[in-house]
Amino acid sequence: MTPLPTLFISHGSPMHAVAAGRAGDAWEALGRRLPRPESILIASAHWETELPMVATSKQPETIHDFGGFPDELYRIRYPAPGATATAQRALQLLSDAGLSATANGCRGLDHGAWVPLLRLYPDAKVPVAQVSIQPSLGADHHLRVGASLAPLVSEGVLLIGSGHLTHNLREWITDARRRGSMAIDEREPEQYVREFTAWVDHALRTDDRAALAGWLERAPHARRAHPTPEHFLPLPFAFGAAGANPNVEHIDAGVDSGVLAMDAYLFWPSAA
């Protein structure tokens, strides 16, 4: 079986479920272009735990973990079956790597998972499981978690990290209030967003894992781009899962309100 790439997605506002925008269009194109996976394992910024957890739900519910949005969003369901076998395999791989991990049989799909999946695989027939992130343990830990799950890419599993390349939510909310709307508003990025995303892109393309592990201290404007780290950490997860020296493909999906960079990345395992 040909290994799949791993994928990092900036999942953006839940509004992408009803108005695709540039990012939604990019996700739909990816769903048509990539080999259809046997299952999906997705690490979302919206499931935080102290130690790794993997959802083993047979039929995960659609979690509407947001407020203040149009009623139509709360009526959406993404009824994908749970990827129970993949979840059990992931738990074993994490254990083999010396990482404490537990199963969660109740966890559904939060909007960091189901909103992009609604565009990637709208038929909701690909089984899905979620894996949690650990904001207190940093980027190096998430590189290690991803690396421990790397065998899955050769087993028909699409590993996705769903977060944000930049995520200053306070600035986004301030702009939305000024506009009087939570609708997607794509525009040119703020200068700090340009500088931070350029730094990240260079670190990925040069396979500089030490830089990624120390991103909070080394990246320009890191604490403005990410006042809290949870939306960055799915990126090293996806990168680590692609193995050493992956081929890096950048997908420019725009910038919401000038501050939420919607970039996506495919990390193709190296043939070497």
C-alpha atoms as a PDB file:
ATOM      1  CA  MET A   1       0.000   0.000   0.000  1.00  0.00           C
ATOM      2  CA  THR A   2       1.350   3.418  -1.003  1.00  0.00           C
ATOM      3  CA  PRO A   3       1.898   5.594   2.090  1.00  0.00           C
ATOM      4  CA  LEU A   4      -0.470   8.516   2.431  1.00  0.00           C
ATOM      5  CA  PRO A   5       0.780  11.983   3.240  1.00  0.00           C
ATOM      6  CA  THR A   6      -0.007  13.465   6.608  1.00  0.00           C
ATOM      7  CA  LEU A   7      -2.022  16.656   6.650  1.00  0.00           C
ATOM      8  CA  PHE A   8      -2.114  19.827   8.713  1.00  0.00           C
ATOM      9  CA  ILE A   9      -5.234  21.954   8.380  1.00  0.00           C
ATOM     10  CA  SER A  10      -6.054  25.352   9.815  1.00  0.00           C
ATOM     11  CA  HIS A  11      -9.698  24.628  10.543  1.00  0.00           C
ATOM     12  CA  GLY A  12     -10.871  28.209  10.932  1.00  0.00           C
ATOM     13  CA  SER A  13     -14.281  29.419  11.977  1.00  0.00           C
ATOM     14  CA  PRO A  14     -17.181  26.928  12.131  1.00  0.00           C
ATOM     15  CA  MET A  15     -18.692  29.100   9.380  1.00  0.00           C
ATOM     16  CA  HIS A  16     -16.630  27.085   6.879  1.00  0.00           C
ATOM     17  CA  ALA A  17     -19.275  24.380   7.304  1.00  0.00           C
ATOM     18  CA  VAL A  18     -21.887  26.579   5.604  1.00  0.00           C
ATOM     19  CA  ALA A  19     -19.728  28.948   3.526  1.00  0.00           C
ATOM     20  CA  ALA A  20     -16.705  27.177   2.081  1.00  0.00           C
ATOM     21  CA  GLY A  21     -14.526  30.201   1.411  1.00  0.00           C
ATOM     22  CA  ARG A  22     -11.029  29.749   0.084  1.00  0.00           C
ATOM     23  CA  ALA A  23     -10.098  27.214   2.766  1.00  0.00           C
ATOM     24  CA  GLY A  24     -13.200  25.112   2.233  1.00  0.00           C
ATOM     25  CA  ASP A  25     -12.565  25.057  -1.503  1.00  0.00           C
ATOM     26  CA  ALA A  26      -8.991  23.890  -0.816  1.00  0.00           C
ATOM     27  CA  TRP A  27     -10.230  21.095   1.454  1.00  0.00           C
ATOM     28  CA  GLU A  28     -12.717  19.937  -1.168  1.00  0.00           C
ATOM     29  CA  ALA A  29      -9.924  19.851  -3.762  1.00  0.00           C
ATOM     30  CA  LEU A  30      -7.762  17.802  -1.413  1.00  0.00           C
ATOM     31  CA  GLY A  31     -10.573  15.311  -0.859  1.00  0.00           C
ATOM     32  CA  ARG A  32     -10.824  14.793  -4.623  1.00  0.00           C
ATOM     33  CA  ARG A  33      -7.078  14.630  -5.152  1.00  0.00           C
ATOM     34  CA  LEU A  34      -5.759  12.421  -2.343  1.00  0.00           C
ATOM     35  CA  PRO A  35      -6.094   8.644  -2.353  1.00  0.00           C
ATOM     36  CA  ARG A  36      -9.187   7.782  -0.335  1.00  0.00           C
ATOM     37  CA  PRO A  37      -8.021   6.560   3.092  1.00  0.00           C
ATOM     38  CA  GLU A  38      -9.237   3.457   4.872  1.00  0.00           C
ATOM     39  CA  SER A  39      -9.688   5.565   8.008  1.00  0.00           C
ATOM     40  CA  ILE A  40      -8.735   8.888   9.568  1.00  0.00           C
ATOM     41  CA  LEU A  41      -7.006   9.735  12.847  1.00  0.00           C
ATOM     42  CA  ILE A  42      -7.256  13.432  13.623  1.00  0.00           C
ATOM     43  CA  ALA A  43      -5.657  15.501  16.372  1.00  0.00           C
ATOM     44  CA  SER A  44      -7.815  18.572  16.990  1.00  0.00           C
ATOM     45  CA  ALA A  45      -6.854  21.636  18.990  1.00  0.00           C
ATOM     46  CA  HIS A  46     -10.260  21.387  20.653  1.00  0.00           C
ATOM     47  CA  TRP A  47      -9.574  18.215  22.612  1.00  0.00           C
ATOM     48  CA  GLU A  48      -7.049  18.953  25.345  1.00  0.00           C
ATOM     49  CA  THR A  49      -5.914  16.403  27.942  1.00  0.00           C
ATOM     50  CA  GLU A  50      -2.991  15.986  30.314  1.00  0.00           C
ATOM     51  CA  LEU A  51      -1.854  12.768  28.600  1.00  0.00           C
ATOM     52  CA  PRO A  52      -2.768  11.349  25.189  1.00  0.00           C
ATOM     53  CA  MET A  53      -6.254   9.922  24.761  1.00  0.00           C
ATOM     54  CA  VAL A  54      -7.685   8.189  21.714  1.00  0.00           C
ATOM     55  CA  ALA A  55     -11.405   8.078  21.002  1.00  0.00           C
ATOM     56  CA  THR A  56     -12.753   4.564  20.483  1.00  0.00           C
ATOM     57  CA  SER A  57     -16.384   5.559  19.889  1.00  0.00           C
ATOM     58  CA  LYS A  58     -18.208   3.311  17.423  1.00  0.00           C
ATOM     59  CA  GLN A  59     -20.451   6.160  16.266  1.00  0.00           C
ATOM     60  CA  PRO A  60     -18.994   9.491  17.397  1.00  0.00           C
ATOM     61  CA  GLU A  61     -21.478  12.295  17.916  1.00  0.00           C
ATOM     62  CA  THR A  62     -21.111  15.687  16.259  1.00  0.00           C
ATOM     63  CA  ILE A  63     -20.054  18.163  18.955  1.00  0.00           C
ATOM     64  CA  HIS A  64     -21.106  21.797  18.501  1.00  0.00           C
ATOM     65  CA  ASP A  65     -18.453  23.277  20.765  1.00  0.00           C
ATOM     66  CA  PHE A  66     -19.024  26.943  19.932  1.00  0.00           C
ATOM     67  CA  GLY A  67     -21.509  29.684  20.654  1.00  0.00           C
ATOM     68  CA  GLY A  68     -23.026  32.731  19.007  1.00  0.00           C
ATOM     69  CA  PHE A  69     -23.157  31.362  15.461  1.00  0.00           C
ATOM     70  CA  PRO A  70     -26.163  30.995  13.126  1.00  0.00           C
ATOM     71  CA  ASP A  71     -28.710  28.310  13.999  1.00  0.00           C
ATOM     72  CA  GLU A  72     -28.006  26.352  10.814  1.00  0.00           C
ATOM     73  CA  LEU A  73     -24.575  25.365  12.146  1.00  0.00           C
ATOM     74  CA  TYR A  74     -26.086  23.606  15.144  1.00  0.00           C
ATOM     75  CA  ARG A  75     -28.283  21.466  12.915  1.00  0.00           C
ATOM     76  CA  ILE A  76     -25.345  19.994  11.000  1.00  0.00           C
ATOM     77  CA  ARG A  77     -24.382  16.403  11.740  1.00  0.00           C
ATOM     78  CA  TYR A  78     -21.337  14.537  10.454  1.00  0.00           C
ATOM     79  CA  PRO A  79     -22.349  10.876  10.932  1.00  0.00           C
ATOM     80  CA  ALA A  80     -19.053   9.164  10.099  1.00  0.00           C
ATOM     81  CA  PRO A  81     -18.498   5.794  11.774  1.00  0.00           C
ATOM     82  CA  GLY A  82     -15.830   5.524  14.405  1.00  0.00           C
ATOM     83  CA  ALA A  83     -12.430   4.154  13.388  1.00  0.00           C
ATOM     84  CA  THR A  84     -12.305   1.723  16.288  1.00  0.00           C
ATOM     85  CA  ALA A  85      -9.631  -0.601  14.880  1.00  0.00           C
ATOM     86  CA  THR A  86      -7.409   2.372  14.018  1.00  0.00           C
ATOM     87  CA  ALA A  87      -7.922   3.766  17.513  1.00  0.00           C
ATOM     88  CA  GLN A  88      -6.806   0.497  19.104  1.00  0.00           C
ATOM     89  CA  ARG A  89      -3.788   0.313  16.787  1.00  0.00           C
ATOM     90  CA  ALA A  90      -2.891   3.903  17.721  1.00  0.00           C
ATOM     91  CA  LEU A  91      -3.101   3.096  21.418  1.00  0.00           C
ATOM     92  CA  GLN A  92      -0.716   0.173  20.914  1.00  0.00           C
ATOM     93  CA  LEU A  93       1.759   2.279  18.914  1.00  0.00           C
ATOM     94  CA  LEU A  94       1.753   4.992  21.583  1.00  0.00           C
ATOM     95  CA  SER A  95       2.368   2.367  24.263  1.00  0.00           C
ATOM     96  CA  ASP A  96       5.186   0.799  22.226  1.00  0.00           C
ATOM     97  CA  ALA A  97       6.808   4.260  22.081  1.00  0.00           C
ATOM     98  CA  GLY A  98       6.669   4.586  25.857  1.00  0.00           C
ATOM     99  CA  LEU A  99       3.848   7.130  25.807  1.00  0.00           C
ATOM    100  CA  SER A 100       1.067   6.738  28.346  1.00  0.00           C
ATOM    101  CA  ALA A 101      -2.236   6.790  26.496  1.00  0.00           C
ATOM    102  CA  THR A 102      -5.783   5.792  27.342  1.00  0.00           C
ATOM    103  CA  ALA A 103      -8.991   5.119  25.440  1.00  0.00           C
ATOM    104  CA  ASN A 104     -12.087   7.289  25.578  1.00  0.00           C
ATOM    105  CA  GLY A 105     -15.234   5.518  24.449  1.00  0.00           C
ATOM    106  CA  CYS A 106     -17.505   8.572  24.647  1.00  0.00           C
ATOM    107  CA  ARG A 107     -15.664  11.310  22.784  1.00  0.00           C
ATOM    108  CA  GLY A 108     -17.344  12.642  19.654  1.00  0.00           C
ATOM    109  CA  LEU A 109     -16.025  14.841  16.844  1.00  0.00           C
ATOM    110  CA  ASP A 110     -15.500  18.493  17.766  1.00  0.00           C
ATOM    111  CA  HIS A 111     -15.647  21.248  15.161  1.00  0.00           C
ATOM    112  CA  GLY A 112     -11.890  21.104  14.622  1.00  0.00           C
ATOM    113  CA  ALA A 113     -12.559  17.638  13.193  1.00  0.00           C
ATOM    114  CA  TRP A 114     -15.979  17.641  11.569  1.00  0.00           C
ATOM    115  CA  VAL A 115     -15.900  21.075   9.896  1.00  0.00           C
ATOM    116  CA  PRO A 116     -12.912  20.304   7.607  1.00  0.00           C
ATOM    117  CA  LEU A 117     -14.001  16.662   7.207  1.00  0.00           C
ATOM    118  CA  LEU A 118     -17.387  17.870   5.961  1.00  0.00           C
ATOM    119  CA  ARG A 119     -15.513  19.422   3.033  1.00  0.00           C
ATOM    120  CA  LEU A 120     -12.844  16.718   2.609  1.00  0.00           C
ATOM    121  CA  TYR A 121     -15.208  13.722   2.703  1.00  0.00           C
ATOM    122  CA  PRO A 122     -18.795  14.996   2.553  1.00  0.00           C
ATOM    123  CA  ASP A 123     -20.286  11.498   2.305  1.00  0.00           C
ATOM    124  CA  ALA A 124     -19.108  10.865   5.907  1.00  0.00           C
ATOM    125  CA  LYS A 125     -18.276   7.250   5.083  1.00  0.00           C
ATOM    126  CA  VAL A 126     -14.586   7.205   6.030  1.00  0.00           C
ATOM    127  CA  PRO A 127     -14.251   5.983   9.653  1.00  0.00           C
ATOM    128  CA  VAL A 128     -12.800   8.629  11.972  1.00  0.00           C
ATOM    129  CA  ALA A 129     -11.147   8.657  15.394  1.00  0.00           C
ATOM    130  CA  GLN A 130      -9.733  11.576  17.332  1.00  0.00           C
ATOM    131  CA  VAL A 131      -6.560  11.798  19.376  1.00  0.00           C
ATOM    132  CA  SER A 132      -6.143  14.522  21.993  1.00  0.00           C
ATOM    133  CA  ILE A 133      -3.401  17.112  22.347  1.00  0.00           C
ATOM    134  CA  GLN A 134      -1.448  18.042  25.480  1.00  0.00           C
ATOM    135  CA  PRO A 135      -0.783  21.803  25.600  1.00  0.00           C
ATOM    136  CA  SER A 136       1.240  21.524  28.803  1.00  0.00           C
ATOM    137  CA  LEU A 137       3.760  19.151  27.171  1.00  0.00           C
ATOM    138  CA  GLY A 138       4.917  21.299  24.261  1.00  0.00           C
ATOM    139  CA  ALA A 139       5.806  20.860  20.611  1.00  0.00           C
ATOM    140  CA  ASP A 140       8.602  18.318  21.106  1.00  0.00           C
ATOM    141  CA  HIS A 141       6.112  15.961  22.768  1.00  0.00           C
ATOM    142  CA  HIS A 142       3.761  16.324  19.799  1.00  0.00           C
ATOM    143  CA  LEU A 143       6.561  15.591  17.349  1.00  0.00           C
ATOM    144  CA  ARG A 144       7.135  12.405  19.337  1.00  0.00           C
ATOM    145  CA  VAL A 145       3.438  11.497  19.406  1.00  0.00           C
ATOM    146  CA  GLY A 146       3.242  11.962  15.658  1.00  0.00           C
ATOM    147  CA  ALA A 147       6.400   9.914  15.091  1.00  0.00           C
ATOM    148  CA  SER A 148       5.014   7.062  17.183  1.00  0.00           C
ATOM    149  CA  LEU A 149       1.968   6.895  14.914  1.00  0.00           C
ATOM    150  CA  ALA A 150       3.957   7.089  11.648  1.00  0.00           C
ATOM    151  CA  PRO A 151       3.411   3.380  10.797  1.00  0.00           C
ATOM    152  CA  LEU A 152      -0.259   4.191  10.215  1.00  0.00           C
ATOM    153  CA  VAL A 153       0.508   6.148   7.033  1.00  0.00           C
ATOM    154  CA  SER A 154       1.500   2.863   5.352  1.00  0.00           C
ATOM    155  CA  GLU A 155      -1.685   1.206   6.597  1.00  0.00           C
ATOM    156  CA  GLY A 156      -4.195   3.368   4.785  1.00  0.00           C
ATOM    157  CA  VAL A 157      -4.741   5.844   7.611  1.00  0.00           C
ATOM    158  CA  LEU A 158      -4.817   9.588   6.956  1.00  0.00           C
ATOM    159  CA  LEU A 159      -3.285  11.388   9.930  1.00  0.00           C
ATOM    160  CA  ILE A 160      -4.505  14.961  10.281  1.00  0.00           C
ATOM    161  CA  GLY A 161      -3.486  17.727  12.644  1.00  0.00           C
ATOM    162  CA  SER A 162      -6.266  20.299  12.855  1.00  0.00           C
ATOM    163  CA  GLY A 163      -5.290  23.602  14.426  1.00  0.00           C
ATOM    164  CA  HIS A 164      -4.258  26.984  13.058  1.00  0.00           C
ATOM    165  CA  LEU A 165      -1.057  28.393  11.632  1.00  0.00           C
ATOM    166  CA  THR A 166      -1.883  31.583  13.549  1.00  0.00           C
ATOM    167  CA  HIS A 167      -4.652  31.919  16.121  1.00  0.00           C
ATOM    168  CA  ASN A 168      -5.060  35.235  17.891  1.00  0.00           C
ATOM    169  CA  LEU A 169      -8.745  34.744  18.626  1.00  0.00           C
ATOM    170  CA  ARG A 170      -9.055  38.003  20.555  1.00  0.00           C
ATOM    171  CA  GLU A 171      -7.978  39.996  17.502  1.00  0.00           C
ATOM    172  CA  TRP A 172     -10.393  38.034  15.322  1.00  0.00           C
ATOM    173  CA  ILE A 173     -13.314  38.613  17.710  1.00  0.00           C
ATOM    174  CA  THR A 174     -12.515  42.319  17.925  1.00  0.00           C
ATOM    175  CA  ASP A 175     -12.624  42.522  14.145  1.00  0.00           C
ATOM    176  CA  ALA A 176     -15.851  40.499  13.936  1.00  0.00           C
ATOM    177  CA  ARG A 177     -17.521  42.826  16.428  1.00  0.00           C
ATOM    178  CA  ARG A 178     -16.363  45.843  14.459  1.00  0.00           C
ATOM    179  CA  ARG A 179     -17.846  44.333  11.320  1.00  0.00           C
ATOM    180  CA  GLY A 180     -20.952  43.154  13.151  1.00  0.00           C
ATOM    181  CA  SER A 181     -20.587  39.706  11.613  1.00  0.00           C
ATOM    182  CA  MET A 182     -18.861  36.366  12.195  1.00  0.00           C
ATOM    183  CA  ALA A 183     -18.826  35.664   8.470  1.00  0.00           C
ATOM    184  CA  ILE A 184     -15.515  34.727   6.881  1.00  0.00           C
ATOM    185  CA  ASP A 185     -13.643  37.882   5.827  1.00  0.00           C
ATOM    186  CA  GLU A 186     -10.588  37.001   3.762  1.00  0.00           C
ATOM    187  CA  ARG A 187      -8.014  39.774   3.449  1.00  0.00           C
ATOM    188  CA  GLU A 188      -4.291  40.490   3.377  1.00  0.00           C
ATOM    189  CA  PRO A 189      -2.424  39.260   6.488  1.00  0.00           C
ATOM    190  CA  GLU A 190      -1.048  41.505   9.193  1.00  0.00           C
ATOM    191  CA  GLN A 191       2.741  41.878   9.053  1.00  0.00           C
ATOM    192  CA  TYR A 192       3.306  39.770  12.166  1.00  0.00           C
ATOM    193  CA  VAL A 193       1.289  36.966  10.556  1.00  0.00           C
ATOM    194  CA  ARG A 194       3.497  37.140   7.454  1.00  0.00           C
ATOM    195  CA  GLU A 195       6.678  36.932   9.522  1.00  0.00           C
ATOM    196  CA  PHE A 196       5.503  34.107  11.767  1.00  0.00           C
ATOM    197  CA  THR A 197       4.176  31.950   8.936  1.00  0.00           C
ATOM    198  CA  ALA A 198       7.354  32.482   6.887  1.00  0.00           C
ATOM    199  CA  TRP A 199       9.441  31.309   9.856  1.00  0.00           C
ATOM    200  CA  VAL A 200       7.319  28.186  10.284  1.00  0.00           C
ATOM    201  CA  ASP A 201       7.479  27.397   6.573  1.00  0.00           C
ATOM    202  CA  HIS A 202      11.286  27.608   6.630  1.00  0.00           C
ATOM    203  CA  ALA A 203      11.514  25.350   9.697  1.00  0.00           C
ATOM    204  CA  LEU A 204       9.314  22.744   8.000  1.00  0.00           C
ATOM    205  CA  ARG A 205      11.158  22.836   4.674  1.00  0.00           C
ATOM    206  CA  THR A 206      14.562  22.513   6.350  1.00  0.00           C
ATOM    207  CA  ASP A 207      13.302  19.752   8.684  1.00  0.00           C
ATOM    208  CA  ASP A 208      14.418  21.874  11.650  1.00  0.00           C
ATOM    209  CA  ARG A 209      12.738  19.974  14.473  1.00  0.00           C
ATOM    210  CA  ALA A 210      14.755  21.762  17.135  1.00  0.00           C
ATOM    211  CA  ALA A 211      13.326  25.062  15.901  1.00  0.00           C
ATOM    212  CA  LEU A 212       9.795  23.656  15.877  1.00  0.00           C
ATOM    213  CA  ALA A 213      10.258  22.271  19.377  1.00  0.00           C
ATOM    214  CA  GLY A 214      11.403  25.708  20.570  1.00  0.00           C
ATOM    215  CA  TRP A 215       8.958  27.726  18.490  1.00  0.00           C
ATOM    216  CA  LEU A 216       7.630  29.832  21.379  1.00  0.00           C
ATOM    217  CA  GLU A 217      11.099  31.247  22.056  1.00  0.00           C
ATOM    218  CA  ARG A 218      12.472  31.256  18.512  1.00  0.00           C
ATOM    219  CA  ALA A 219       9.670  32.198  16.126  1.00  0.00           C
ATOM    220  CA  PRO A 220       8.999  35.908  15.560  1.00  0.00           C
ATOM    221  CA  HIS A 221       5.777  37.127  17.197  1.00  0.00           C
ATOM    222  CA  ALA A 222       5.036  33.611  18.473  1.00  0.00           C
ATOM    223  CA  ARG A 223       3.047  34.744  21.499  1.00  0.00           C
ATOM    224  CA  ARG A 224       0.994  37.170  19.466  1.00  0.00           C
ATOM    225  CA  ALA A 225       0.355  34.588  16.762  1.00  0.00           C
ATOM    226  CA  HIS A 226      -0.590  32.051  19.447  1.00  0.00           C
ATOM    227  CA  PRO A 227      -1.509  33.571  22.836  1.00  0.00           C
ATOM    228  CA  THR A 228      -2.169  29.950  23.855  1.00  0.00           C
ATOM    229  CA  PRO A 229      -0.386  27.007  22.191  1.00  0.00           C
ATOM    230  CA  GLU A 230      -3.150  24.487  21.522  1.00  0.00           C
ATOM    231  CA  HIS A 231      -3.794  25.500  17.901  1.00  0.00           C
ATOM    232  CA  PHE A 232      -0.115  25.258  16.942  1.00  0.00           C
ATOM    233  CA  LEU A 233       0.518  21.780  18.363  1.00  0.00           C
ATOM    234  CA  PRO A 234      -1.398  19.782  15.719  1.00  0.00           C
ATOM    235  CA  LEU A 235       1.254  21.013  13.255  1.00  0.00           C
ATOM    236  CA  PRO A 236       4.243  19.220  14.850  1.00  0.00           C
ATOM    237  CA  PHE A 237       1.939  16.214  15.350  1.00  0.00           C
ATOM    238  CA  ALA A 238       1.285  15.966  11.608  1.00  0.00           C
ATOM    239  CA  PHE A 239       4.901  16.760  10.713  1.00  0.00           C
ATOM    240  CA  GLY A 240       6.293  14.162  13.107  1.00  0.00           C
ATOM    241  CA  ALA A 241       3.978  11.499  11.689  1.00  0.00           C
ATOM    242  CA  ALA A 242       5.482  11.896   8.194  1.00  0.00           C
ATOM    243  CA  GLY A 243       8.900  10.577   9.227  1.00  0.00           C
ATOM    244  CA  ALA A 244      12.327  12.052   8.557  1.00  0.00           C
ATOM    245  CA  ASN A 245      12.824  14.668   5.829  1.00  0.00           C
ATOM    246  CA  PRO A 246       9.296  14.639   4.414  1.00  0.00           C
ATOM    247  CA  ASN A 247       8.484  16.488   1.227  1.00  0.00           C
ATOM    248  CA  VAL A 248       6.606  19.628   2.252  1.00  0.00           C
ATOM    249  CA  GLU A 249       3.690  20.953   0.196  1.00  0.00           C
ATOM    250  CA  HIS A 250       2.151  24.247   1.248  1.00  0.00           C
ATOM    251  CA  ILE A 251      -1.481  25.118   0.497  1.00  0.00           C
ATOM    252  CA  ASP A 252      -2.318  28.814   0.771  1.00  0.00           C
ATOM    253  CA  ALA A 253      -5.926  28.939   1.989  1.00  0.00           C
ATOM    254  CA  GLY A 254      -6.108  32.634   2.800  1.00  0.00           C
ATOM    255  CA  VAL A 255      -6.235  34.642   6.021  1.00  0.00           C
ATOM    256  CA  ASP A 256      -9.471  35.346   7.882  1.00  0.00           C
ATOM    257  CA  SER A 257      -9.709  38.948   9.140  1.00  0.00           C
ATOM    258  CA  GLY A 258      -5.993  39.363   8.449  1.00  0.00           C
ATOM    259  CA  VAL A 259      -5.059  37.402  11.597  1.00  0.00           C
ATOM    260  CA  LEU A 260      -6.234  33.772  11.295  1.00  0.00           C
ATOM    261  CA  ALA A 261      -3.862  32.183   8.775  1.00  0.00           C
ATOM    262  CA  MET A 262      -5.709  29.308   7.092  1.00  0.00           C
ATOM    263  CA  ASP A 263      -2.624  27.605   5.616  1.00  0.00           C
ATOM    264  CA  ALA A 264      -2.608  23.855   5.161  1.00  0.00           C
ATOM    265  CA  TYR A 265       0.353  21.533   4.637  1.00  0.00           C
ATOM    266  CA  LEU A 266       0.789  18.096   3.143  1.00  0.00           C
ATOM    267  CA  PHE A 267       3.802  16.163   4.391  1.00  0.00           C
ATOM    268  CA  TRP A 268       4.731  13.407   1.997  1.00  0.00           C
ATOM    269  CA  PRO A 269       6.950  10.663   3.464  1.00  0.00           C
ATOM    270  CA  SER A 270      10.396  10.658   1.895  1.00  0.00           C
ATOM    271  CA  ALA A 271      11.210   7.835  -0.488  1.00  0.00           C
ATOM    272  CA  ALA A 272      14.768   7.777   0.861  1.00  0.00           C
END
